[in-house]
Structures are given as C-alpha cells and as structure tokens.
Amino acid sequence: MEDVVAGIFKFIGRAIGQIFIELILELLIKGPGYLIIKFFSKTNEKEPTENKLIIIGLLFWCFVGGSTYLIFKYGI
C-alpha cells in the first residue's frame, strides 16, 4: 500500500514540476523574447524559432537583472 501511495505522490510531484517549468519557460522567457522580436522585426517576416525566443528572452532578463543591480548599487 505504501508503494502505491508513494508512486502516486511521485507522479503528482513530477506533474506539478513539469507544469511549473513549462509556465516559467513559456511565459517568463519566451514571452518577452516574442514581444521583442515582433517589435523589432518586419511585419511580413515568418514566426521566430523557439531558439531565438529563448535566447532573446534570457538576454532580456539578464538586462533587467543587470540594470536593477546597477540602479540599486550606484543609484543611477
């Protein structure tokens, strides 16, 4: 009986973890990447690839983090 309950909790934990990872990847990384690429690209260009979205999204968050650090450290 304990093995069954442990298996169920393990499954539920993995499912929740997968949903959490997908939420972070889709909304927080790919979202800004998509908006930035669409803002700076031509209107007739095809949809950006997933790799571009992830790279631009990560660069965006690096910029936000670096800017926040500089503002609080140096009061810029």
PDB file of N, CA and C in Angstrom:
ATOM      1  N   MET A   1       0.819  -1.196   0.000  1.00  0.00           N
ATOM      2  CA  MET A   1       0.000   0.000   0.000  1.00  0.00           C
ATOM      3  C   MET A   1       0.869   1.269   0.000  1.00  0.00           C
ATOM      4  N   GLU A   2       1.962   1.244   0.770  1.00  0.00           N
ATOM      5  CA  GLU A   2       2.829   2.413   0.823  1.00  0.00           C
ATOM      6  C   GLU A   2       3.478   2.689  -0.530  1.00  0.00           C
ATOM      7  N   ASP A   3       3.795   1.619  -1.254  1.00  0.00           N
ATOM      8  CA  ASP A   3       4.407   1.795  -2.561  1.00  0.00           C
ATOM      9  C   ASP A   3       3.459   2.475  -3.538  1.00  0.00           C
ATOM     10  N   VAL A   4       2.183   2.129  -3.443  1.00  0.00           N
ATOM     11  CA  VAL A   4       1.193   2.732  -4.332  1.00  0.00           C
ATOM     12  C   VAL A   4       1.037   4.221  -4.025  1.00  0.00           C
ATOM     13  N   VAL A   5       0.942   4.554  -2.746  1.00  0.00           N
ATOM     14  CA  VAL A   5       0.787   5.953  -2.340  1.00  0.00           C
ATOM     15  C   VAL A   5       2.048   6.749  -2.704  1.00  0.00           C
ATOM     16  N   ALA A   6       3.219   6.147  -2.485  1.00  0.00           N
ATOM     17  CA  ALA A   6       4.464   6.829  -2.840  1.00  0.00           C
ATOM     18  C   ALA A   6       4.542   7.057  -4.343  1.00  0.00           C
ATOM     19  N   GLY A   7       4.100   6.080  -5.120  1.00  0.00           N
ATOM     20  CA  GLY A   7       4.090   6.231  -6.569  1.00  0.00           C
ATOM     21  C   GLY A   7       3.145   7.327  -7.030  1.00  0.00           C
ATOM     22  N   ILE A   8       2.001   7.420  -6.384  1.00  0.00           N
ATOM     23  CA  ILE A   8       1.024   8.456  -6.745  1.00  0.00           C
ATOM     24  C   ILE A   8       1.588   9.842  -6.428  1.00  0.00           C
ATOM     25  N   PHE A   9       2.173   9.985  -5.234  1.00  0.00           N
ATOM     26  CA  PHE A   9       2.750  11.279  -4.869  1.00  0.00           C
ATOM     27  C   PHE A   9       3.929  11.646  -5.763  1.00  0.00           C
ATOM     28  N   LYS A  10       4.711  10.654  -6.148  1.00  0.00           N
ATOM     29  CA  LYS A  10       5.832  10.903  -7.056  1.00  0.00           C
ATOM     30  C   LYS A  10       5.318  11.395  -8.407  1.00  0.00           C
ATOM     31  N   PHE A  11       4.264  10.769  -8.912  1.00  0.00           N
ATOM     32  CA  PHE A  11       3.660  11.171 -10.176  1.00  0.00           C
ATOM     33  C   PHE A  11       3.097  12.585 -10.095  1.00  0.00           C
ATOM     34  N   ILE A  12       2.378  12.867  -9.017  1.00  0.00           N
ATOM     35  CA  ILE A  12       1.787  14.197  -8.841  1.00  0.00           C
ATOM     36  C   ILE A  12       2.886  15.254  -8.729  1.00  0.00           C
ATOM     37  N   GLY A  13       3.949  14.948  -7.993  1.00  0.00           N
ATOM     38  CA  GLY A  13       5.063  15.891  -7.858  1.00  0.00           C
ATOM     39  C   GLY A  13       5.734  16.175  -9.193  1.00  0.00           C
ATOM     40  N   ARG A  14       5.942  15.137  -9.996  1.00  0.00           N
ATOM     41  CA  ARG A  14       6.549  15.345 -11.316  1.00  0.00           C
ATOM     42  C   ARG A  14       5.631  16.149 -12.227  1.00  0.00           C
ATOM     43  N   ALA A  15       4.328  15.883 -12.163  1.00  0.00           N
ATOM     44  CA  ALA A  15       3.379  16.625 -13.000  1.00  0.00           C
ATOM     45  C   ALA A  15       3.366  18.102 -12.622  1.00  0.00           C
ATOM     46  N   ILE A  16       3.346  18.389 -11.344  1.00  0.00           N
ATOM     47  CA  ILE A  16       3.353  19.785 -10.891  1.00  0.00           C
ATOM     48  C   ILE A  16       4.674  20.445 -11.272  1.00  0.00           C
ATOM     49  N   GLY A  17       5.780  19.747 -11.132  1.00  0.00           N
ATOM     50  CA  GLY A  17       7.079  20.282 -11.529  1.00  0.00           C
ATOM     51  C   GLY A  17       7.138  20.584 -13.016  1.00  0.00           C
ATOM     52  N   GLN A  18       6.595  19.685 -13.830  1.00  0.00           N
ATOM     53  CA  GLN A  18       6.581  19.894 -15.276  1.00  0.00           C
ATOM     54  C   GLN A  18       5.733  21.105 -15.650  1.00  0.00           C
ATOM     55  N   ILE A  19       4.594  21.249 -15.024  1.00  0.00           N
ATOM     56  CA  ILE A  19       3.726  22.405 -15.282  1.00  0.00           C
ATOM     57  C   ILE A  19       4.444  23.694 -14.889  1.00  0.00           C
ATOM     58  N   PHE A  20       5.129  23.682 -13.743  1.00  0.00           N
ATOM     59  CA  PHE A  20       5.856  24.856 -13.270  1.00  0.00           C
ATOM     60  C   PHE A  20       6.973  25.239 -14.234  1.00  0.00           C
ATOM     61  N   ILE A  21       7.737  24.262 -14.704  1.00  0.00           N
ATOM     62  CA  ILE A  21       8.829  24.524 -15.649  1.00  0.00           C
ATOM     63  C   ILE A  21       8.273  25.068 -16.965  1.00  0.00           C
ATOM     64  N   GLU A  22       7.202  24.470 -17.460  1.00  0.00           N
ATOM     65  CA  GLU A  22       6.593  24.940 -18.708  1.00  0.00           C
ATOM     66  C   GLU A  22       6.076  26.371 -18.552  1.00  0.00           C
ATOM     67  N   LEU A  23       5.486  26.661 -17.420  1.00  0.00           N
ATOM     68  CA  LEU A  23       4.967  28.008 -17.172  1.00  0.00           C
ATOM     69  C   LEU A  23       6.096  29.031 -17.180  1.00  0.00           C
ATOM     70  N   ILE A  24       7.190  28.712 -16.512  1.00  0.00           N
ATOM     71  CA  ILE A  24       8.330  29.630 -16.485  1.00  0.00           C
ATOM     72  C   ILE A  24       8.909  29.804 -17.881  1.00  0.00           C
ATOM     73  N   LEU A  25       9.110  28.693 -18.586  1.00  0.00           N
ATOM     74  CA  LEU A  25       9.722  28.763 -19.908  1.00  0.00           C
ATOM     75  C   LEU A  25       8.833  29.517 -20.893  1.00  0.00           C
ATOM     76  N   GLU A  26       7.564  29.197 -20.910  1.00  0.00           N
ATOM     77  CA  GLU A  26       6.662  29.795 -21.897  1.00  0.00           C
ATOM     78  C   GLU A  26       6.378  31.268 -21.614  1.00  0.00           C
ATOM     79  N   LEU A  27       6.043  31.584 -20.386  1.00  0.00           N
ATOM     80  CA  LEU A  27       5.604  32.948 -20.085  1.00  0.00           C
ATOM     81  C   LEU A  27       6.755  33.898 -19.784  1.00  0.00           C
ATOM     82  N   LEU A  28       7.670  33.477 -18.946  1.00  0.00           N
ATOM     83  CA  LEU A  28       8.686  34.406 -18.474  1.00  0.00           C
ATOM     84  C   LEU A  28       9.895  34.514 -19.390  1.00  0.00           C
ATOM     85  N   ILE A  29      10.172  33.496 -20.189  1.00  0.00           N
ATOM     86  CA  ILE A  29      11.335  33.567 -21.067  1.00  0.00           C
ATOM     87  C   ILE A  29      10.922  33.762 -22.518  1.00  0.00           C
ATOM     88  N   LYS A  30      10.044  32.914 -23.021  1.00  0.00           N
ATOM     89  CA  LYS A  30       9.642  33.043 -24.425  1.00  0.00           C
ATOM     90  C   LYS A  30       8.735  34.245 -24.669  1.00  0.00           C
ATOM     91  N   GLY A  31       7.954  34.629 -23.669  1.00  0.00           N
ATOM     92  CA  GLY A  31       7.034  35.763 -23.827  1.00  0.00           C
ATOM     93  C   GLY A  31       7.744  37.064 -24.161  1.00  0.00           C
ATOM     94  N   PRO A  32       8.686  37.500 -23.317  1.00  0.00           N
ATOM     95  CA  PRO A  32       9.427  38.721 -23.654  1.00  0.00           C
ATOM     96  C   PRO A  32      10.226  38.586 -24.944  1.00  0.00           C
ATOM     97  N   GLY A  33      10.771  37.388 -25.188  1.00  0.00           N
ATOM     98  CA  GLY A  33      11.508  37.165 -26.431  1.00  0.00           C
ATOM     99  C   GLY A  33      10.625  37.371 -27.650  1.00  0.00           C
ATOM    100  N   TYR A  34       9.416  36.847 -27.590  1.00  0.00           N
ATOM    101  CA  TYR A  34       8.478  37.002 -28.705  1.00  0.00           C
ATOM    102  C   TYR A  34       8.110  38.466 -28.907  1.00  0.00           C
ATOM    103  N   LEU A  35       7.811  39.162 -27.816  1.00  0.00           N
ATOM    104  CA  LEU A  35       7.424  40.570 -27.928  1.00  0.00           C
ATOM    105  C   LEU A  35       8.560  41.428 -28.477  1.00  0.00           C
ATOM    106  N   ILE A  36       9.777  41.180 -28.032  1.00  0.00           N
ATOM    107  CA  ILE A  36      10.924  41.960 -28.511  1.00  0.00           C
ATOM    108  C   ILE A  36      11.182  41.681 -29.983  1.00  0.00           C
ATOM    109  N   ILE A  37      11.165  40.406 -30.368  1.00  0.00           N
ATOM    110  CA  ILE A  37      11.411  40.065 -31.774  1.00  0.00           C
ATOM    111  C   ILE A  37      10.331  40.660 -32.667  1.00  0.00           C
ATOM    112  N   LYS A  38       9.066  40.563 -32.263  1.00  0.00           N
ATOM    113  CA  LYS A  38       7.986  41.119 -33.072  1.00  0.00           C
ATOM    114  C   LYS A  38       8.064  42.641 -33.154  1.00  0.00           C
ATOM    115  N   PHE A  39       8.500  43.291 -32.090  1.00  0.00           N
ATOM    116  CA  PHE A  39       8.595  44.749 -32.086  1.00  0.00           C
ATOM    117  C   PHE A  39       9.677  45.237 -33.039  1.00  0.00           C
ATOM    118  N   PHE A  40      10.808  44.549 -33.098  1.00  0.00           N
ATOM    119  CA  PHE A  40      11.935  44.999 -33.896  1.00  0.00           C
ATOM    120  C   PHE A  40      12.027  44.347 -35.275  1.00  0.00           C
ATOM    121  N   SER A  41      11.124  43.450 -35.626  1.00  0.00           N
ATOM    122  CA  SER A  41      11.209  42.786 -36.930  1.00  0.00           C
ATOM    123  C   SER A  41      10.168  43.354 -37.887  1.00  0.00           C
ATOM    124  N   LYS A  42      10.324  42.991 -39.139  1.00  0.00           N
ATOM    125  CA  LYS A  42       9.377  43.424 -40.155  1.00  0.00           C
ATOM    126  C   LYS A  42       8.064  42.669 -39.990  1.00  0.00           C
ATOM    127  N   THR A  43       6.982  43.264 -40.444  1.00  0.00           N
ATOM    128  CA  THR A  43       5.673  42.645 -40.247  1.00  0.00           C
ATOM    129  C   THR A  43       5.458  41.419 -41.125  1.00  0.00           C
ATOM    130  N   ASN A  44       6.133  41.311 -42.260  1.00  0.00           N
ATOM    131  CA  ASN A  44       5.911  40.179 -43.146  1.00  0.00           C
ATOM    132  C   ASN A  44       6.863  39.014 -42.876  1.00  0.00           C
ATOM    133  N   GLU A  45       7.656  39.097 -41.828  1.00  0.00           N
ATOM    134  CA  GLU A  45       8.601  38.032 -41.504  1.00  0.00           C
ATOM    135  C   GLU A  45       7.872  36.857 -40.856  1.00  0.00           C
ATOM    136  N   LYS A  46       8.369  35.627 -41.089  1.00  0.00           N
ATOM    137  CA  LYS A  46       7.726  34.447 -40.513  1.00  0.00           C
ATOM    138  C   LYS A  46       7.932  34.398 -39.007  1.00  0.00           C
ATOM    139  N   GLU A  47       7.267  33.473 -38.361  1.00  0.00           N
ATOM    140  CA  GLU A  47       7.339  33.342 -36.908  1.00  0.00           C
ATOM    141  C   GLU A  47       8.764  33.004 -36.462  1.00  0.00           C
ATOM    142  N   PRO A  48       9.226  33.581 -35.351  1.00  0.00           N
ATOM    143  CA  PRO A  48      10.578  33.286 -34.870  1.00  0.00           C
ATOM    144  C   PRO A  48      10.681  31.852 -34.339  1.00  0.00           C
ATOM    145  N   THR A  49      11.883  31.301 -34.402  1.00  0.00           N
ATOM    146  CA  THR A  49      12.088  29.946 -33.900  1.00  0.00           C
ATOM    147  C   THR A  49      12.139  29.951 -32.377  1.00  0.00           C
ATOM    148  N   GLU A  50      11.976  28.758 -31.806  1.00  0.00           N
ATOM    149  CA  GLU A  50      11.997  28.640 -30.359  1.00  0.00           C
ATOM    150  C   GLU A  50      13.353  29.040 -29.783  1.00  0.00           C
ATOM    151  N   ASN A  51      14.422  28.689 -30.496  1.00  0.00           N
ATOM    152  CA  ASN A  51      15.761  29.034 -30.015  1.00  0.00           C
ATOM    153  C   ASN A  51      15.947  30.543 -29.930  1.00  0.00           C
ATOM    154  N   LYS A  52      15.482  31.260 -30.940  1.00  0.00           N
ATOM    155  CA  LYS A  52      15.576  32.722 -30.915  1.00  0.00           C
ATOM    156  C   LYS A  52      14.779  33.293 -29.750  1.00  0.00           C
ATOM    157  N   LEU A  53      13.585  32.757 -29.533  1.00  0.00           N
ATOM    158  CA  LEU A  53      12.750  33.252 -28.440  1.00  0.00           C
ATOM    159  C   LEU A  53      13.434  33.066 -27.094  1.00  0.00           C
ATOM    160  N   ILE A  54      14.023  31.902 -26.894  1.00  0.00           N
ATOM    161  CA  ILE A  54      14.675  31.619 -25.616  1.00  0.00           C
ATOM    162  C   ILE A  54      15.904  32.502 -25.429  1.00  0.00           C
ATOM    163  N   ILE A  55      16.719  32.646 -26.461  1.00  0.00           N
ATOM    164  CA  ILE A  55      17.931  33.462 -26.345  1.00  0.00           C
ATOM    165  C   ILE A  55      17.587  34.920 -26.076  1.00  0.00           C
ATOM    166  N   ILE A  56      16.653  35.471 -26.836  1.00  0.00           N
ATOM    167  CA  ILE A  56      16.269  36.870 -26.634  1.00  0.00           C
ATOM    168  C   ILE A  56      15.600  37.055 -25.274  1.00  0.00           C
ATOM    169  N   GLY A  57      14.779  36.102 -24.871  1.00  0.00           N
ATOM    170  CA  GLY A  57      14.138  36.182 -23.558  1.00  0.00           C
ATOM    171  C   GLY A  57      15.152  36.154 -22.424  1.00  0.00           C
ATOM    172  N   LEU A  58      16.156  35.283 -22.527  1.00  0.00           N
ATOM    173  CA  LEU A  58      17.192  35.235 -21.495  1.00  0.00           C
ATOM    174  C   LEU A  58      18.031  36.506 -21.485  1.00  0.00           C
ATOM    175  N   LEU A  59      18.355  37.029 -22.669  1.00  0.00           N
ATOM    176  CA  LEU A  59      19.095  38.296 -22.733  1.00  0.00           C
ATOM    177  C   LEU A  59      18.288  39.430 -22.113  1.00  0.00           C
ATOM    178  N   PHE A  60      16.988  39.433 -22.332  1.00  0.00           N
ATOM    179  CA  PHE A  60      16.118  40.440 -21.731  1.00  0.00           C
ATOM    180  C   PHE A  60      16.201  40.392 -20.208  1.00  0.00           C
ATOM    181  N   TRP A  61      16.099  39.169 -19.649  1.00  0.00           N
ATOM    182  CA  TRP A  61      16.137  39.051 -18.195  1.00  0.00           C
ATOM    183  C   TRP A  61      17.520  39.369 -17.634  1.00  0.00           C
ATOM    184  N   CYS A  62      18.580  39.074 -18.393  1.00  0.00           N
ATOM    185  CA  CYS A  62      19.929  39.482 -17.975  1.00  0.00           C
ATOM    186  C   CYS A  62      20.029  41.005 -17.942  1.00  0.00           C
ATOM    187  N   PHE A  63      19.463  41.657 -18.946  1.00  0.00           N
ATOM    188  CA  PHE A  63      19.455  43.115 -18.984  1.00  0.00           C
ATOM    189  C   PHE A  63      18.660  43.691 -17.811  1.00  0.00           C
ATOM    190  N   VAL A  64      17.502  43.115 -17.529  1.00  0.00           N
ATOM    191  CA  VAL A  64      16.674  43.597 -16.416  1.00  0.00           C
ATOM    192  C   VAL A  64      17.417  43.405 -15.096  1.00  0.00           C
ATOM    193  N   GLY A  65      18.019  42.233 -14.908  1.00  0.00           N
ATOM    194  CA  GLY A  65      18.757  41.969 -13.669  1.00  0.00           C
ATOM    195  C   GLY A  65      19.965  42.872 -13.519  1.00  0.00           C
ATOM    196  N   GLY A  66      20.733  43.040 -14.591  1.00  0.00           N
ATOM    197  CA  GLY A  66      21.905  43.917 -14.543  1.00  0.00           C
ATOM    198  C   GLY A  66      21.529  45.358 -14.288  1.00  0.00           C
ATOM    199  N   SER A  67      20.477  45.814 -14.935  1.00  0.00           N
ATOM    200  CA  SER A  67      20.015  47.192 -14.736  1.00  0.00           C
ATOM    201  C   SER A  67      19.549  47.408 -13.301  1.00  0.00           C
ATOM    202  N   THR A  68      18.820  46.446 -12.777  1.00  0.00           N
ATOM    203  CA  THR A  68      18.343  46.552 -11.394  1.00  0.00           C
ATOM    204  C   THR A  68      19.515  46.600 -10.422  1.00  0.00           C
ATOM    205  N   TYR A  69      20.501  45.756 -10.650  1.00  0.00           N
ATOM    206  CA  TYR A  69      21.692  45.747  -9.792  1.00  0.00           C
ATOM    207  C   TYR A  69      22.396  47.102  -9.827  1.00  0.00           C
ATOM    208  N   LEU A  70      22.611  47.638 -11.028  1.00  0.00           N
ATOM    209  CA  LEU A  70      23.307  48.922 -11.145  1.00  0.00           C
ATOM    210  C   LEU A  70      22.524  50.062 -10.516  1.00  0.00           C
ATOM    211  N   ILE A  71      21.225  50.035 -10.675  1.00  0.00           N
ATOM    212  CA  ILE A  71      20.390  51.087 -10.077  1.00  0.00           C
ATOM    213  C   ILE A  71      20.484  51.064  -8.561  1.00  0.00           C
ATOM    214  N   PHE A  72      20.398  49.880  -7.963  1.00  0.00           N
ATOM    215  CA  PHE A  72      20.432  49.817  -6.503  1.00  0.00           C
ATOM    216  C   PHE A  72      21.845  50.004  -5.950  1.00  0.00           C
ATOM    217  N   LYS A  73      22.855  49.568  -6.681  1.00  0.00           N
ATOM    218  CA  LYS A  73      24.221  49.706  -6.166  1.00  0.00           C
ATOM    219  C   LYS A  73      24.745  51.135  -6.320  1.00  0.00           C
ATOM    220  N   TYR A  74      24.526  51.741  -7.483  1.00  0.00           N
ATOM    221  CA  TYR A  74      25.108  53.052  -7.763  1.00  0.00           C
ATOM    222  C   TYR A  74      24.089  54.186  -7.773  1.00  0.00           C
ATOM    223  N   GLY A  75      22.817  53.877  -7.644  1.00  0.00           N
ATOM    224  CA  GLY A  75      21.811  54.911  -7.610  1.00  0.00           C
ATOM    225  C   GLY A  75      21.658  55.664  -8.912  1.00  0.00           C
ATOM    226  N   ILE A  76      21.878  54.957 -10.001  1.00  0.00           N
ATOM    227  CA  ILE A  76      21.810  55.603 -11.318  1.00  0.00           C
ATOM    228  C   ILE A  76      20.374  55.913 -11.652  1.00  0.00           C
TER     229      ILE A  76
END
